[in-house]
Amino acid sequence: MDDDLNNKLNLHAAGATVRHTSAFNHLETYRNDFELSKEFIDQWVLPLYMNIRNIHDRSWV
């Protein structure tokens, strides 16, 4: 039995009787093949995500 059919049978046995295809299934996804540096995270990532809920200070936008 091939792996795909075996996987489908295992999912069905676990209760997954209906499987829906995502509306975004056709979109291409990208993945970084490198680690972000600490400097990059400190300069760009932290300021954005630490202030994203502060709707009064829009400087991060």
PDB file of N, CA and C in Angstrom:
ATOM      1  N   MET A   1       0.855  -1.161   0.000  1.00  0.00           N
ATOM      2  CA  MET A   1       0.000   0.000   0.000  1.00  0.00           C
ATOM      3  C   MET A   1       0.912   1.240   0.000  1.00  0.00           C
ATOM      4  N   ASP A   2       0.554   2.253  -0.805  1.00  0.00           N
ATOM      5  CA  ASP A   2       1.411   3.434  -0.859  1.00  0.00           C
ATOM      6  C   ASP A   2       1.200   4.316   0.372  1.00  0.00           C
ATOM      7  N   ASP A   3       2.167   5.201   0.626  1.00  0.00           N
ATOM      8  CA  ASP A   3       2.150   6.033   1.839  1.00  0.00           C
ATOM      9  C   ASP A   3       0.955   6.972   1.888  1.00  0.00           C
ATOM     10  N   ASP A   4       0.552   7.546   0.742  1.00  0.00           N
ATOM     11  CA  ASP A   4      -0.569   8.483   0.722  1.00  0.00           C
ATOM     12  C   ASP A   4      -1.865   7.783   1.126  1.00  0.00           C
ATOM     13  N   LEU A   5      -2.108   6.630   0.575  1.00  0.00           N
ATOM     14  CA  LEU A   5      -3.324   5.878   0.922  1.00  0.00           C
ATOM     15  C   LEU A   5      -3.281   5.445   2.378  1.00  0.00           C
ATOM     16  N   ASN A   6      -2.138   5.011   2.844  1.00  0.00           N
ATOM     17  CA  ASN A   6      -1.983   4.600   4.237  1.00  0.00           C
ATOM     18  C   ASN A   6      -2.254   5.783   5.166  1.00  0.00           C
ATOM     19  N   ASN A   7      -1.746   6.974   4.805  1.00  0.00           N
ATOM     20  CA  ASN A   7      -1.975   8.182   5.589  1.00  0.00           C
ATOM     21  C   ASN A   7      -3.465   8.522   5.625  1.00  0.00           C
ATOM     22  N   LYS A   8      -4.139   8.436   4.479  1.00  0.00           N
ATOM     23  CA  LYS A   8      -5.575   8.716   4.416  1.00  0.00           C
ATOM     24  C   LYS A   8      -6.367   7.733   5.274  1.00  0.00           C
ATOM     25  N   LEU A   9      -6.000   6.465   5.239  1.00  0.00           N
ATOM     26  CA  LEU A   9      -6.685   5.466   6.060  1.00  0.00           C
ATOM     27  C   LEU A   9      -6.476   5.736   7.546  1.00  0.00           C
ATOM     28  N   ASN A  10      -5.260   6.119   7.929  1.00  0.00           N
ATOM     29  CA  ASN A  10      -4.982   6.433   9.330  1.00  0.00           C
ATOM     30  C   ASN A  10      -5.782   7.652   9.788  1.00  0.00           C
ATOM     31  N   LEU A  11      -5.869   8.675   8.948  1.00  0.00           N
ATOM     32  CA  LEU A  11      -6.661   9.855   9.291  1.00  0.00           C
ATOM     33  C   LEU A  11      -8.131   9.506   9.434  1.00  0.00           C
ATOM     34  N   HIS A  12      -8.651   8.696   8.523  1.00  0.00           N
ATOM     35  CA  HIS A  12     -10.051   8.280   8.588  1.00  0.00           C
ATOM     36  C   HIS A  12     -10.324   7.487   9.869  1.00  0.00           C
ATOM     37  N   ALA A  13      -9.421   6.577  10.196  1.00  0.00           N
ATOM     38  CA  ALA A  13      -9.594   5.771  11.407  1.00  0.00           C
ATOM     39  C   ALA A  13      -9.551   6.641  12.660  1.00  0.00           C
ATOM     40  N   ALA A  14      -8.833   7.780  12.581  1.00  0.00           N
ATOM     41  CA  ALA A  14      -8.737   8.690  13.724  1.00  0.00           C
ATOM     42  C   ALA A  14      -9.929   9.641  13.796  1.00  0.00           C
ATOM     43  N   GLY A  15     -10.845   9.584  12.811  1.00  0.00           N
ATOM     44  CA  GLY A  15     -12.043  10.407  12.856  1.00  0.00           C
ATOM     45  C   GLY A  15     -12.085  11.520  11.832  1.00  0.00           C
ATOM     46  N   ALA A  16     -11.082  11.639  11.015  1.00  0.00           N
ATOM     47  CA  ALA A  16     -11.063  12.698   9.997  1.00  0.00           C
ATOM     48  C   ALA A  16     -11.806  12.198   8.763  1.00  0.00           C
ATOM     49  N   THR A  17     -13.136  12.272   8.810  1.00  0.00           N
ATOM     50  CA  THR A  17     -13.932  11.731   7.713  1.00  0.00           C
ATOM     51  C   THR A  17     -14.113  12.718   6.572  1.00  0.00           C
ATOM     52  N   VAL A  18     -13.946  14.013   6.866  1.00  0.00           N
ATOM     53  CA  VAL A  18     -14.071  15.042   5.834  1.00  0.00           C
ATOM     54  C   VAL A  18     -12.800  15.867   5.827  1.00  0.00           C
ATOM     55  N   ARG A  19     -12.199  16.027   4.668  1.00  0.00           N
ATOM     56  CA  ARG A  19     -10.988  16.834   4.551  1.00  0.00           C
ATOM     57  C   ARG A  19     -11.233  17.897   3.505  1.00  0.00           C
ATOM     58  N   HIS A  20     -10.992  19.141   3.889  1.00  0.00           N
ATOM     59  CA  HIS A  20     -11.219  20.268   3.001  1.00  0.00           C
ATOM     60  C   HIS A  20      -9.894  20.779   2.448  1.00  0.00           C
ATOM     61  N   THR A  21      -9.936  21.209   1.204  1.00  0.00           N
ATOM     62  CA  THR A  21      -8.762  21.815   0.580  1.00  0.00           C
ATOM     63  C   THR A  21      -8.784  23.304   0.877  1.00  0.00           C
ATOM     64  N   SER A  22      -7.642  23.843   1.227  1.00  0.00           N
ATOM     65  CA  SER A  22      -7.536  25.260   1.539  1.00  0.00           C
ATOM     66  C   SER A  22      -7.759  26.100   0.284  1.00  0.00           C
ATOM     67  N   ALA A  23      -8.379  27.255   0.453  1.00  0.00           N
ATOM     68  CA  ALA A  23      -8.554  28.194  -0.659  1.00  0.00           C
ATOM     69  C   ALA A  23      -7.220  28.792  -1.082  1.00  0.00           C
ATOM     70  N   PHE A  24      -6.212  28.654  -0.238  1.00  0.00           N
ATOM     71  CA  PHE A  24      -4.887  29.209  -0.524  1.00  0.00           C
ATOM     72  C   PHE A  24      -3.899  28.126  -0.954  1.00  0.00           C
ATOM     73  N   ASN A  25      -4.399  26.981  -1.299  1.00  0.00           N
ATOM     74  CA  ASN A  25      -3.566  25.842  -1.663  1.00  0.00           C
ATOM     75  C   ASN A  25      -2.670  26.114  -2.874  1.00  0.00           C
ATOM     76  N   HIS A  26      -3.089  27.018  -3.747  1.00  0.00           N
ATOM     77  CA  HIS A  26      -2.344  27.299  -4.973  1.00  0.00           C
ATOM     78  C   HIS A  26      -1.196  28.295  -4.762  1.00  0.00           C
ATOM     79  N   LEU A  27      -1.146  28.943  -3.601  1.00  0.00           N
ATOM     80  CA  LEU A  27      -0.122  29.953  -3.360  1.00  0.00           C
ATOM     81  C   LEU A  27       1.239  29.318  -3.091  1.00  0.00           C
ATOM     82  N   GLU A  28       2.263  29.928  -3.637  1.00  0.00           N
ATOM     83  CA  GLU A  28       3.624  29.468  -3.411  1.00  0.00           C
ATOM     84  C   GLU A  28       4.099  30.002  -2.067  1.00  0.00           C
ATOM     85  N   THR A  29       4.777  29.174  -1.304  1.00  0.00           N
ATOM     86  CA  THR A  29       5.292  29.608  -0.014  1.00  0.00           C
ATOM     87  C   THR A  29       6.812  29.661  -0.060  1.00  0.00           C
ATOM     88  N   TYR A  30       7.374  30.480   0.811  1.00  0.00           N
ATOM     89  CA  TYR A  30       8.825  30.653   0.864  1.00  0.00           C
ATOM     90  C   TYR A  30       9.315  30.357   2.268  1.00  0.00           C
ATOM     91  N   ARG A  31      10.530  29.904   2.347  1.00  0.00           N
ATOM     92  CA  ARG A  31      11.123  29.568   3.624  1.00  0.00           C
ATOM     93  C   ARG A  31      12.554  30.097   3.638  1.00  0.00           C
ATOM     94  N   ASN A  32      12.913  30.738   4.733  1.00  0.00           N
ATOM     95  CA  ASN A  32      14.294  31.199   4.864  1.00  0.00           C
ATOM     96  C   ASN A  32      15.213  30.004   5.029  1.00  0.00           C
ATOM     97  N   ASP A  33      16.360  30.075   4.390  1.00  0.00           N
ATOM     98  CA  ASP A  33      17.343  29.006   4.570  1.00  0.00           C
ATOM     99  C   ASP A  33      18.497  29.497   5.441  1.00  0.00           C
ATOM    100  N   PHE A  34      18.228  30.532   6.243  1.00  0.00           N
ATOM    101  CA  PHE A  34      19.253  31.093   7.113  1.00  0.00           C
ATOM    102  C   PHE A  34      18.608  31.589   8.400  1.00  0.00           C
ATOM    103  N   GLU A  35      19.413  31.732   9.416  1.00  0.00           N
ATOM    104  CA  GLU A  35      18.953  32.261  10.695  1.00  0.00           C
ATOM    105  C   GLU A  35      19.028  33.776  10.668  1.00  0.00           C
ATOM    106  N   LEU A  36      18.055  34.428  11.276  1.00  0.00           N
ATOM    107  CA  LEU A  36      18.104  35.879  11.405  1.00  0.00           C
ATOM    108  C   LEU A  36      19.109  36.235  12.491  1.00  0.00           C
ATOM    109  N   SER A  37      19.887  37.267  12.228  1.00  0.00           N
ATOM    110  CA  SER A  37      20.895  37.679  13.208  1.00  0.00           C
ATOM    111  C   SER A  37      20.231  38.380  14.385  1.00  0.00           C
ATOM    112  N   LYS A  38      20.902  38.379  15.501  1.00  0.00           N
ATOM    113  CA  LYS A  38      20.413  39.068  16.702  1.00  0.00           C
ATOM    114  C   LYS A  38      20.228  40.553  16.421  1.00  0.00           C
ATOM    115  N   GLU A  39      21.127  41.150  15.652  1.00  0.00           N
ATOM    116  CA  GLU A  39      21.035  42.565  15.314  1.00  0.00           C
ATOM    117  C   GLU A  39      19.769  42.850  14.496  1.00  0.00           C
ATOM    118  N   PHE A  40      19.477  41.992  13.531  1.00  0.00           N
ATOM    119  CA  PHE A  40      18.273  42.156  12.714  1.00  0.00           C
ATOM    120  C   PHE A  40      17.016  42.045  13.580  1.00  0.00           C
ATOM    121  N   ILE A  41      16.989  41.045  14.426  1.00  0.00           N
ATOM    122  CA  ILE A  41      15.831  40.846  15.297  1.00  0.00           C
ATOM    123  C   ILE A  41      15.631  42.045  16.210  1.00  0.00           C
ATOM    124  N   ASP A  42      16.731  42.529  16.802  1.00  0.00           N
ATOM    125  CA  ASP A  42      16.628  43.685  17.705  1.00  0.00           C
ATOM    126  C   ASP A  42      16.178  44.944  16.980  1.00  0.00           C
ATOM    127  N   GLN A  43      16.625  45.122  15.745  1.00  0.00           N
ATOM    128  CA  GLN A  43      16.315  46.352  15.016  1.00  0.00           C
ATOM    129  C   GLN A  43      14.948  46.326  14.345  1.00  0.00           C
ATOM    130  N   TRP A  44      14.523  45.175  13.822  1.00  0.00           N
ATOM    131  CA  TRP A  44      13.309  45.126  13.007  1.00  0.00           C
ATOM    132  C   TRP A  44      12.178  44.304  13.608  1.00  0.00           C
ATOM    133  N   VAL A  45      12.470  43.143  14.119  1.00  0.00           N
ATOM    134  CA  VAL A  45      11.419  42.228  14.561  1.00  0.00           C
ATOM    135  C   VAL A  45      10.810  42.660  15.894  1.00  0.00           C
ATOM    136  N   LEU A  46      11.650  42.859  16.891  1.00  0.00           N
ATOM    137  CA  LEU A  46      11.131  43.214  18.211  1.00  0.00           C
ATOM    138  C   LEU A  46      10.340  44.516  18.222  1.00  0.00           C
ATOM    139  N   PRO A  47      10.837  45.599  17.610  1.00  0.00           N
ATOM    140  CA  PRO A  47      10.033  46.822  17.635  1.00  0.00           C
ATOM    141  C   PRO A  47       8.657  46.646  16.990  1.00  0.00           C
ATOM    142  N   LEU A  48       8.586  45.889  15.923  1.00  0.00           N
ATOM    143  CA  LEU A  48       7.292  45.668  15.268  1.00  0.00           C
ATOM    144  C   LEU A  48       6.352  44.867  16.153  1.00  0.00           C
ATOM    145  N   TYR A  49       6.781  43.699  16.581  1.00  0.00           N
ATOM    146  CA  TYR A  49       5.884  42.810  17.306  1.00  0.00           C
ATOM    147  C   TYR A  49       5.626  43.226  18.743  1.00  0.00           C
ATOM    148  N   MET A  50       6.527  43.977  19.333  1.00  0.00           N
ATOM    149  CA  MET A  50       6.290  44.425  20.702  1.00  0.00           C
ATOM    150  C   MET A  50       5.359  45.638  20.748  1.00  0.00           C
ATOM    151  N   ASN A  51       5.198  46.349  19.621  1.00  0.00           N
ATOM    152  CA  ASN A  51       4.347  47.537  19.592  1.00  0.00           C
ATOM    153  C   ASN A  51       3.117  47.378  18.713  1.00  0.00           C
ATOM    154  N   ILE A  52       2.873  46.212  18.204  1.00  0.00           N
ATOM    155  CA  ILE A  52       1.803  46.028  17.225  1.00  0.00           C
ATOM    156  C   ILE A  52       0.415  46.280  17.828  1.00  0.00           C
ATOM    157  N   ARG A  53       0.261  46.084  19.120  1.00  0.00           N
ATOM    158  CA  ARG A  53      -1.045  46.288  19.750  1.00  0.00           C
ATOM    159  C   ARG A  53      -1.255  47.724  20.207  1.00  0.00           C
ATOM    160  N   ASN A  54      -0.202  48.539  20.133  1.00  0.00           N
ATOM    161  CA  ASN A  54      -0.300  49.928  20.548  1.00  0.00           C
ATOM    162  C   ASN A  54      -0.857  50.741  19.386  1.00  0.00           C
ATOM    163  N   ILE A  55      -2.173  50.907  19.338  1.00  0.00           N
ATOM    164  CA  ILE A  55      -2.810  51.552  18.188  1.00  0.00           C
ATOM    165  C   ILE A  55      -2.619  53.062  18.175  1.00  0.00           C
ATOM    166  N   HIS A  56      -2.210  53.638  19.300  1.00  0.00           N
ATOM    167  CA  HIS A  56      -2.050  55.092  19.372  1.00  0.00           C
ATOM    168  C   HIS A  56      -0.698  55.541  18.826  1.00  0.00           C
ATOM    169  N   ASP A  57       0.302  54.679  18.899  1.00  0.00           N
ATOM    170  CA  ASP A  57       1.625  55.009  18.373  1.00  0.00           C
ATOM    171  C   ASP A  57       1.815  54.277  17.061  1.00  0.00           C
ATOM    172  N   ARG A  58       1.638  54.978  15.949  1.00  0.00           N
ATOM    173  CA  ARG A  58       1.697  54.353  14.621  1.00  0.00           C
ATOM    174  C   ARG A  58       3.091  54.440  14.013  1.00  0.00           C
ATOM    175  N   SER A  59       4.120  54.775  14.798  1.00  0.00           N
ATOM    176  CA  SER A  59       5.467  54.921  14.259  1.00  0.00           C
ATOM    177  C   SER A  59       6.017  53.609  13.696  1.00  0.00           C
ATOM    178  N   TRP A  60       5.554  52.479  14.217  1.00  0.00           N
ATOM    179  CA  TRP A  60       6.041  51.192  13.736  1.00  0.00           C
ATOM    180  C   TRP A  60       5.538  50.875  12.338  1.00  0.00           C
ATOM    181  N   VAL A  61       4.450  51.519  11.916  1.00  0.00           N
ATOM    182  CA  VAL A  61       3.895  51.268  10.593  1.00  0.00           C
ATOM    183  C   VAL A  61       4.839  51.824   9.556  1.00  0.00           C
TER     184      VAL A  61
END
